[in-house]
PDB file of N, CA and C in Angstrom:
ATOM      1  N   MET A   1       4.064   4.233  10.122  1.00  0.00           N
ATOM      2  CA  MET A   1       4.306   3.623   8.832  1.00  0.00           C
ATOM      3  C   MET A   1       3.016   3.603   8.001  1.00  0.00           C
ATOM      4  N   LYS A   2       1.927   3.271   8.668  1.00  0.00           N
ATOM      5  CA  LYS A   2       0.638   3.224   7.977  1.00  0.00           C
ATOM      6  C   LYS A   2       0.252   4.612   7.461  1.00  0.00           C
ATOM      7  N   ASP A   3       0.552   5.641   8.245  1.00  0.00           N
ATOM      8  CA  ASP A   3       0.239   7.011   7.830  1.00  0.00           C
ATOM      9  C   ASP A   3       1.032   7.412   6.591  1.00  0.00           C
ATOM     10  N   THR A   4       2.290   7.015   6.539  1.00  0.00           N
ATOM     11  CA  THR A   4       3.127   7.318   5.378  1.00  0.00           C
ATOM     12  C   THR A   4       2.595   6.619   4.140  1.00  0.00           C
ATOM     13  N   LEU A   5       2.223   5.366   4.292  1.00  0.00           N
ATOM     14  CA  LEU A   5       1.673   4.601   3.178  1.00  0.00           C
ATOM     15  C   LEU A   5       0.375   5.244   2.681  1.00  0.00           C
ATOM     16  N   LEU A   6      -0.477   5.632   3.592  1.00  0.00           N
ATOM     17  CA  LEU A   6      -1.730   6.290   3.221  1.00  0.00           C
ATOM     18  C   LEU A   6      -1.462   7.612   2.500  1.00  0.00           C
ATOM     19  N   TYR A   7      -0.494   8.368   2.971  1.00  0.00           N
ATOM     20  CA  TYR A   7      -0.128   9.637   2.334  1.00  0.00           C
ATOM     21  C   TYR A   7       0.328   9.418   0.894  1.00  0.00           C
ATOM     22  N   LEU A   8       1.203   8.436   0.681  1.00  0.00           N
ATOM     23  CA  LEU A   8       1.709   8.147  -0.663  1.00  0.00           C
ATOM     24  C   LEU A   8       0.585   7.721  -1.604  1.00  0.00           C
ATOM     25  N   LEU A   9      -0.274   6.836  -1.129  1.00  0.00           N
ATOM     26  CA  LEU A   9      -1.349   6.323  -1.971  1.00  0.00           C
ATOM     27  C   LEU A   9      -2.405   7.386  -2.266  1.00  0.00           C
ATOM     28  N   THR A  10      -2.698   8.224  -1.289  1.00  0.00           N
ATOM     29  CA  THR A  10      -3.692   9.276  -1.481  1.00  0.00           C
ATOM     30  C   THR A  10      -3.273  10.229  -2.598  1.00  0.00           C
ATOM     31  N   ALA A  11      -1.975  10.471  -2.711  1.00  0.00           N
ATOM     32  CA  ALA A  11      -1.473  11.363  -3.757  1.00  0.00           C
ATOM     33  C   ALA A  11      -1.629  10.760  -5.154  1.00  0.00           C
ATOM     34  N   LEU A  12      -1.747   9.444  -5.241  1.00  0.00           N
ATOM     35  CA  LEU A  12      -1.817   8.763  -6.534  1.00  0.00           C
ATOM     36  C   LEU A  12      -3.228   8.578  -7.079  1.00  0.00           C
ATOM     37  N   VAL A  13      -4.185   8.393  -6.194  1.00  0.00           N
ATOM     38  CA  VAL A  13      -5.504   7.922  -6.619  1.00  0.00           C
ATOM     39  C   VAL A  13      -6.515   9.053  -6.786  1.00  0.00           C
ATOM     40  N   ASP A  14      -7.589   8.752  -7.507  1.00  0.00           N
ATOM     41  CA  ASP A  14      -8.687   9.699  -7.690  1.00  0.00           C
ATOM     42  C   ASP A  14      -9.758   9.545  -6.614  1.00  0.00           C
ATOM     43  N   HIS A  15      -9.868   8.350  -6.049  1.00  0.00           N
ATOM     44  CA  HIS A  15     -10.902   8.055  -5.052  1.00  0.00           C
ATOM     45  C   HIS A  15     -10.232   7.809  -3.699  1.00  0.00           C
ATOM     46  N   ALA A  16      -9.656   8.854  -3.138  1.00  0.00           N
ATOM     47  CA  ALA A  16      -8.921   8.721  -1.881  1.00  0.00           C
ATOM     48  C   ALA A  16      -9.825   8.276  -0.731  1.00  0.00           C
ATOM     49  N   ASP A  17     -11.095   8.628  -0.805  1.00  0.00           N
ATOM     50  CA  ASP A  17     -12.029   8.251   0.253  1.00  0.00           C
ATOM     51  C   ASP A  17     -12.280   6.745   0.286  1.00  0.00           C
ATOM     52  N   ALA A  18     -11.970   6.045  -0.794  1.00  0.00           N
ATOM     53  CA  ALA A  18     -12.182   4.598  -0.854  1.00  0.00           C
ATOM     54  C   ALA A  18     -10.961   3.807  -0.386  1.00  0.00           C
ATOM     55  N   LEU A  19      -9.857   4.491  -0.105  1.00  0.00           N
ATOM     56  CA  LEU A  19      -8.651   3.797   0.348  1.00  0.00           C
ATOM     57  C   LEU A  19      -8.828   3.278   1.769  1.00  0.00           C
ATOM     58  N   VAL A  20      -8.519   2.013   1.953  1.00  0.00           N
ATOM     59  CA  VAL A  20      -8.528   1.401   3.276  1.00  0.00           C
ATOM     60  C   VAL A  20      -7.260   0.572   3.383  1.00  0.00           C
ATOM     61  N   ILE A  21      -6.536   0.745   4.480  1.00  0.00           N
ATOM     62  CA  ILE A  21      -5.321  -0.028   4.695  1.00  0.00           C
ATOM     63  C   ILE A  21      -5.509  -0.843   5.965  1.00  0.00           C
ATOM     64  N   ASP A  22      -5.516  -2.164   5.806  1.00  0.00           N
ATOM     65  CA  ASP A  22      -5.630  -3.066   6.947  1.00  0.00           C
ATOM     66  C   ASP A  22      -4.236  -3.449   7.408  1.00  0.00           C
ATOM     67  N   GLU A  23      -4.053  -3.461   8.706  1.00  0.00           N
ATOM     68  CA  GLU A  23      -2.770  -3.828   9.297  1.00  0.00           C
ATOM     69  C   GLU A  23      -2.907  -5.233   9.874  1.00  0.00           C
ATOM     70  N   GLN A  24      -2.110  -6.174   9.363  1.00  0.00           N
ATOM     71  CA  GLN A  24      -2.197  -7.555   9.819  1.00  0.00           C
ATOM     72  C   GLN A  24      -0.847  -8.002  10.362  1.00  0.00           C
ATOM     73  N   PRO A  25      -0.854  -8.614  11.531  1.00  0.00           N
ATOM     74  CA  PRO A  25       0.413  -9.122  12.063  1.00  0.00           C
ATOM     75  C   PRO A  25       0.919 -10.277  11.206  1.00  0.00           C
ATOM     76  N   ALA A  26       2.217 -10.320  11.037  1.00  0.00           N
ATOM     77  CA  ALA A  26       2.844 -11.390  10.268  1.00  0.00           C
ATOM     78  C   ALA A  26       4.061 -11.864  11.051  1.00  0.00           C
ATOM     79  N   GLU A  27       4.609 -12.960  10.633  1.00  0.00           N
ATOM     80  CA  GLU A  27       5.780 -13.499  11.308  1.00  0.00           C
ATOM     81  C   GLU A  27       6.921 -12.485  11.236  1.00  0.00           C
ATOM     82  N   GLY A  28       7.276 -11.950  12.374  1.00  0.00           N
ATOM     83  CA  GLY A  28       8.385 -11.012  12.439  1.00  0.00           C
ATOM     84  C   GLY A  28       8.047  -9.581  12.069  1.00  0.00           C
ATOM     85  N   GLY A  29       6.795  -9.265  11.810  1.00  0.00           N
ATOM     86  CA  GLY A  29       6.482  -7.893  11.428  1.00  0.00           C
ATOM     87  C   GLY A  29       5.017  -7.660  11.136  1.00  0.00           C
ATOM     88  N   THR A  30       4.775  -6.788  10.183  1.00  0.00           N
ATOM     89  CA  THR A  30       3.424  -6.360   9.846  1.00  0.00           C
ATOM     90  C   THR A  30       3.227  -6.369   8.339  1.00  0.00           C
ATOM     91  N   VAL A  31       2.035  -6.749   7.917  1.00  0.00           N
ATOM     92  CA  VAL A  31       1.664  -6.678   6.504  1.00  0.00           C
ATOM     93  C   VAL A  31       0.528  -5.671   6.389  1.00  0.00           C
ATOM     94  N   TYR A  32       0.699  -4.715   5.494  1.00  0.00           N
ATOM     95  CA  TYR A  32      -0.349  -3.744   5.212  1.00  0.00           C
ATOM     96  C   TYR A  32      -1.055  -4.180   3.936  1.00  0.00           C
ATOM     97  N   VAL A  33      -2.363  -4.378   4.033  1.00  0.00           N
ATOM     98  CA  VAL A  33      -3.163  -4.787   2.881  1.00  0.00           C
ATOM     99  C   VAL A  33      -3.960  -3.572   2.417  1.00  0.00           C
ATOM    100  N   VAL A  34      -3.732  -3.186   1.165  1.00  0.00           N
ATOM    101  CA  VAL A  34      -4.352  -1.985   0.606  1.00  0.00           C
ATOM    102  C   VAL A  34      -5.607  -2.370  -0.167  1.00  0.00           C
ATOM    103  N   HIS A  35      -6.726  -1.768   0.210  1.00  0.00           N
ATOM    104  CA  HIS A  35      -7.994  -1.909  -0.509  1.00  0.00           C
ATOM    105  C   HIS A  35      -8.254  -0.559  -1.168  1.00  0.00           C
ATOM    106  N   ALA A  36      -8.520  -0.574  -2.466  1.00  0.00           N
ATOM    107  CA  ALA A  36      -8.741   0.678  -3.189  1.00  0.00           C
ATOM    108  C   ALA A  36      -9.879   0.513  -4.188  1.00  0.00           C
ATOM    109  N   HIS A  37     -10.354   1.626  -4.680  1.00  0.00           N
ATOM    110  CA  HIS A  37     -11.385   1.646  -5.719  1.00  0.00           C
ATOM    111  C   HIS A  37     -10.843   0.941  -6.956  1.00  0.00           C
ATOM    112  N   ALA A  38     -11.696   0.218  -7.652  1.00  0.00           N
ATOM    113  CA  ALA A  38     -11.277  -0.557  -8.826  1.00  0.00           C
ATOM    114  C   ALA A  38     -10.587   0.305  -9.876  1.00  0.00           C
ATOM    115  N   GLU A  39     -11.060   1.521 -10.069  1.00  0.00           N
ATOM    116  CA  GLU A  39     -10.465   2.403 -11.072  1.00  0.00           C
ATOM    117  C   GLU A  39      -9.062   2.873 -10.689  1.00  0.00           C
ATOM    118  N   ASP A  40      -8.728   2.808  -9.410  1.00  0.00           N
ATOM    119  CA  ASP A  40      -7.428   3.289  -8.941  1.00  0.00           C
ATOM    120  C   ASP A  40      -6.355   2.205  -8.883  1.00  0.00           C
ATOM    121  N   MET A  41      -6.744   0.957  -9.016  1.00  0.00           N
ATOM    122  CA  MET A  41      -5.762  -0.125  -8.885  1.00  0.00           C
ATOM    123  C   MET A  41      -4.646  -0.013  -9.922  1.00  0.00           C
ATOM    124  N   GLY A  42      -4.982   0.354 -11.143  1.00  0.00           N
ATOM    125  CA  GLY A  42      -3.968   0.502 -12.181  1.00  0.00           C
ATOM    126  C   GLY A  42      -2.970   1.600 -11.855  1.00  0.00           C
ATOM    127  N   LYS A  43      -3.441   2.675 -11.250  1.00  0.00           N
ATOM    128  CA  LYS A  43      -2.552   3.770 -10.860  1.00  0.00           C
ATOM    129  C   LYS A  43      -1.623   3.343  -9.735  1.00  0.00           C
ATOM    130  N   ILE A  44      -2.125   2.535  -8.828  1.00  0.00           N
ATOM    131  CA  ILE A  44      -1.306   2.063  -7.719  1.00  0.00           C
ATOM    132  C   ILE A  44      -0.262   1.064  -8.214  1.00  0.00           C
ATOM    133  N   ILE A  45      -0.661   0.194  -9.116  1.00  0.00           N
ATOM    134  CA  ILE A  45       0.265  -0.820  -9.629  1.00  0.00           C
ATOM    135  C   ILE A  45       1.294  -0.178 -10.554  1.00  0.00           C
ATOM    136  N   GLY A  46       0.851   0.664 -11.462  1.00  0.00           N
ATOM    137  CA  GLY A  46       1.763   1.315 -12.393  1.00  0.00           C
ATOM    138  C   GLY A  46       2.165   0.397 -13.532  1.00  0.00           C
ATOM    139  N   LYS A  47       2.866   0.963 -14.477  1.00  0.00           N
ATOM    140  CA  LYS A  47       3.320   0.217 -15.651  1.00  0.00           C
ATOM    141  C   LYS A  47       4.325  -0.844 -15.218  1.00  0.00           C
ATOM    142  N   SER A  48       4.019  -2.090 -15.518  1.00  0.00           N
ATOM    143  CA  SER A  48       4.859  -3.243 -15.152  1.00  0.00           C
ATOM    144  C   SER A  48       5.095  -3.340 -13.647  1.00  0.00           C
ATOM    145  N   GLY A  49       4.199  -2.757 -12.846  1.00  0.00           N
ATOM    146  CA  GLY A  49       4.317  -2.856 -11.395  1.00  0.00           C
ATOM    147  C   GLY A  49       5.336  -1.915 -10.777  1.00  0.00           C
ATOM    148  N   ARG A  50       5.771  -0.932 -11.518  1.00  0.00           N
ATOM    149  CA  ARG A  50       6.825  -0.033 -11.025  1.00  0.00           C
ATOM    150  C   ARG A  50       6.390   0.798  -9.818  1.00  0.00           C
ATOM    151  N   ILE A  51       5.173   1.294  -9.832  1.00  0.00           N
ATOM    152  CA  ILE A  51       4.726   2.173  -8.744  1.00  0.00           C
ATOM    153  C   ILE A  51       4.601   1.398  -7.437  1.00  0.00           C
ATOM    154  N   ILE A  52       3.913   0.263  -7.454  1.00  0.00           N
ATOM    155  CA  ILE A  52       3.750  -0.501  -6.216  1.00  0.00           C
ATOM    156  C   ILE A  52       5.095  -1.017  -5.722  1.00  0.00           C
ATOM    157  N   ARG A  53       5.980  -1.365  -6.633  1.00  0.00           N
ATOM    158  CA  ARG A  53       7.318  -1.824  -6.237  1.00  0.00           C
ATOM    159  C   ARG A  53       8.085  -0.699  -5.538  1.00  0.00           C
ATOM    160  N   ALA A  54       7.986   0.512  -6.071  1.00  0.00           N
ATOM    161  CA  ALA A  54       8.660   1.659  -5.458  1.00  0.00           C
ATOM    162  C   ALA A  54       8.074   1.970  -4.080  1.00  0.00           C
ATOM    163  N   ILE A  55       6.753   1.887  -3.963  1.00  0.00           N
ATOM    164  CA  ILE A  55       6.111   2.127  -2.670  1.00  0.00           C
ATOM    165  C   ILE A  55       6.551   1.074  -1.663  1.00  0.00           C
ATOM    166  N   ARG A  56       6.569  -0.184  -2.079  1.00  0.00           N
ATOM    167  CA  ARG A  56       7.018  -1.258  -1.183  1.00  0.00           C
ATOM    168  C   ARG A  56       8.452  -1.033  -0.739  1.00  0.00           C
ATOM    169  N   ASP A  57       9.322  -0.688  -1.685  1.00  0.00           N
ATOM    170  CA  ASP A  57      10.731  -0.461  -1.352  1.00  0.00           C
ATOM    171  C   ASP A  57      10.887   0.682  -0.360  1.00  0.00           C
ATOM    172  N   LEU A  58      10.164   1.768  -0.571  1.00  0.00           N
ATOM    173  CA  LEU A  58      10.255   2.921   0.314  1.00  0.00           C
ATOM    174  C   LEU A  58       9.769   2.584   1.721  1.00  0.00           C
ATOM    175  N   VAL A  59       8.630   1.926   1.817  1.00  0.00           N
ATOM    176  CA  VAL A  59       8.079   1.575   3.129  1.00  0.00           C
ATOM    177  C   VAL A  59       8.985   0.569   3.839  1.00  0.00           C
ATOM    178  N   LYS A  60       9.516  -0.400   3.099  1.00  0.00           N
ATOM    179  CA  LYS A  60      10.429  -1.378   3.703  1.00  0.00           C
ATOM    180  C   LYS A  60      11.712  -0.712   4.186  1.00  0.00           C
ATOM    181  N   LEU A  61      12.227   0.238   3.432  1.00  0.00           N
ATOM    182  CA  LEU A  61      13.427   0.961   3.834  1.00  0.00           C
ATOM    183  C   LEU A  61      13.186   1.738   5.120  1.00  0.00           C
ATOM    184  N   MET A  62      12.054   2.421   5.192  1.00  0.00           N
ATOM    185  CA  MET A  62      11.717   3.173   6.402  1.00  0.00           C
ATOM    186  C   MET A  62      11.580   2.240   7.604  1.00  0.00           C
ATOM    187  N   ALA A  63      10.968   1.093   7.388  1.00  0.00           N
ATOM    188  CA  ALA A  63      10.783   0.133   8.477  1.00  0.00           C
ATOM    189  C   ALA A  63      12.117  -0.449   8.924  1.00  0.00           C
ATOM    190  N   THR A  64      12.980  -0.764   7.982  1.00  0.00           N
ATOM    191  CA  THR A  64      14.283  -1.337   8.308  1.00  0.00           C
ATOM    192  C   THR A  64      15.096  -0.373   9.157  1.00  0.00           C
ATOM    193  N   LYS A  65      15.025   0.906   8.849  1.00  0.00           N
ATOM    194  CA  LYS A  65      15.748   1.908   9.638  1.00  0.00           C
ATOM    195  C   LYS A  65      15.249   1.947  11.081  1.00  0.00           C
ATOM    196  N   LYS A  66      14.006   1.532  11.296  1.00  0.00           N
ATOM    197  CA  LYS A  66      13.427   1.501  12.639  1.00  0.00           C
ATOM    198  C   LYS A  66      13.506   0.111  13.263  1.00  0.00           C
ATOM    199  N   GLY A  67      14.169  -0.826  12.572  1.00  0.00           N
ATOM    200  CA  GLY A  67      14.306  -2.178  13.096  1.00  0.00           C
ATOM    201  C   GLY A  67      13.042  -3.006  12.988  1.00  0.00           C
ATOM    202  N   MET A  68      12.188  -2.678  12.028  1.00  0.00           N
ATOM    203  CA  MET A  68      10.921  -3.380  11.858  1.00  0.00           C
ATOM    204  C   MET A  68      10.896  -4.089  10.512  1.00  0.00           C
ATOM    205  N   TYR A  69       9.944  -5.003  10.361  1.00  0.00           N
ATOM    206  CA  TYR A  69       9.695  -5.639   9.072  1.00  0.00           C
ATOM    207  C   TYR A  69       8.268  -5.319   8.668  1.00  0.00           C
ATOM    208  N   VAL A  70       8.087  -4.834   7.456  1.00  0.00           N
ATOM    209  CA  VAL A  70       6.743  -4.608   6.923  1.00  0.00           C
ATOM    210  C   VAL A  70       6.692  -5.061   5.473  1.00  0.00           C
ATOM    211  N   ASP A  71       5.489  -5.353   5.019  1.00  0.00           N
ATOM    212  CA  ASP A  71       5.258  -5.661   3.615  1.00  0.00           C
ATOM    213  C   ASP A  71       3.948  -4.994   3.220  1.00  0.00           C
ATOM    214  N   VAL A  72       3.826  -4.684   1.949  1.00  0.00           N
ATOM    215  CA  VAL A  72       2.620  -4.047   1.423  1.00  0.00           C
ATOM    216  C   VAL A  72       2.035  -4.964   0.365  1.00  0.00           C
ATOM    217  N   GLU A  73       0.758  -5.296   0.521  1.00  0.00           N
ATOM    218  CA  GLU A  73       0.061  -6.140  -0.449  1.00  0.00           C
ATOM    219  C   GLU A  73      -1.192  -5.413  -0.928  1.00  0.00           C
ATOM    220  N   LEU A  74      -1.589  -5.732  -2.144  1.00  0.00           N
ATOM    221  CA  LEU A  74      -2.844  -5.206  -2.671  1.00  0.00           C
ATOM    222  C   LEU A  74      -3.923  -6.260  -2.480  1.00  0.00           C
ATOM    223  N   ALA A  75      -5.089  -5.834  -2.044  1.00  0.00           N
ATOM    224  CA  ALA A  75      -6.196  -6.762  -1.850  1.00  0.00           C
ATOM    225  C   ALA A  75      -6.636  -7.312  -3.196  1.00  0.00           C
ATOM    226  N   GLU A  76      -6.979  -8.584  -3.221  1.00  0.00           N
ATOM    227  CA  GLU A  76      -7.431  -9.201  -4.466  1.00  0.00           C
ATOM    228  C   GLU A  76      -8.798  -8.680  -4.875  1.00  0.00           C
ATOM    229  N   GLU A  77      -9.676  -8.530  -3.908  1.00  0.00           N
ATOM    230  CA  GLU A  77     -10.988  -7.980  -4.230  1.00  0.00           C
ATOM    231  C   GLU A  77     -10.853  -6.468  -4.219  1.00  0.00           C
ATOM    232  N   VAL A  78     -11.538  -5.838  -5.131  1.00  0.00           N
ATOM    233  CA  VAL A  78     -11.466  -4.383  -5.208  1.00  0.00           C
ATOM    234  C   VAL A  78     -12.851  -3.805  -5.007  1.00  0.00           C
ATOM    235  N   LYS A  79     -12.885  -2.637  -4.426  1.00  0.00           N
ATOM    236  CA  LYS A  79     -14.157  -1.963  -4.194  1.00  0.00           C
ATOM    237  C   LYS A  79     -14.491  -1.121  -5.409  1.00  0.00           C
ATOM    238  N   SER A  80     -15.725  -1.138  -5.803  1.00  0.00           N
ATOM    239  CA  SER A  80     -16.152  -0.281  -6.909  1.00  0.00           C
ATOM    240  C   SER A  80     -17.340   0.551  -6.463  1.00  0.00           C
ATOM    241  N   SER A  81     -17.545   1.653  -7.144  1.00  0.00           N
ATOM    242  CA  SER A  81     -18.605   2.644  -6.884  1.00  0.00           C
ATOM    243  C   SER A  81     -18.453   3.388  -5.603  1.00  0.00           C
TER     244      SER A  81
END
C-alpha cells in the first residue's frame, strides 16, 4: 500500500526525492503520513482538496479490498530546500 501511495505522489510532485511517507499504527489499521517539499504541497492537495481526496479514496478502496484500514494524512510541517 505504501508503495502505491509513493508511486502516485511521485508522479505529481517536482521534488520526488523529498517525499517521505511514515507508516504509523492506528486503531484498527495504519495511517500514512506524507512529508513533502513545501513547493509540492499545493500539487498534492489540489484545487479545493480534490487531489488528496482522490488519493485517499483510492488507497482506502485498495485497502478495503484486502480487509485492511488505512488513512492518508499530510504532515503539518513541510520540508523546504
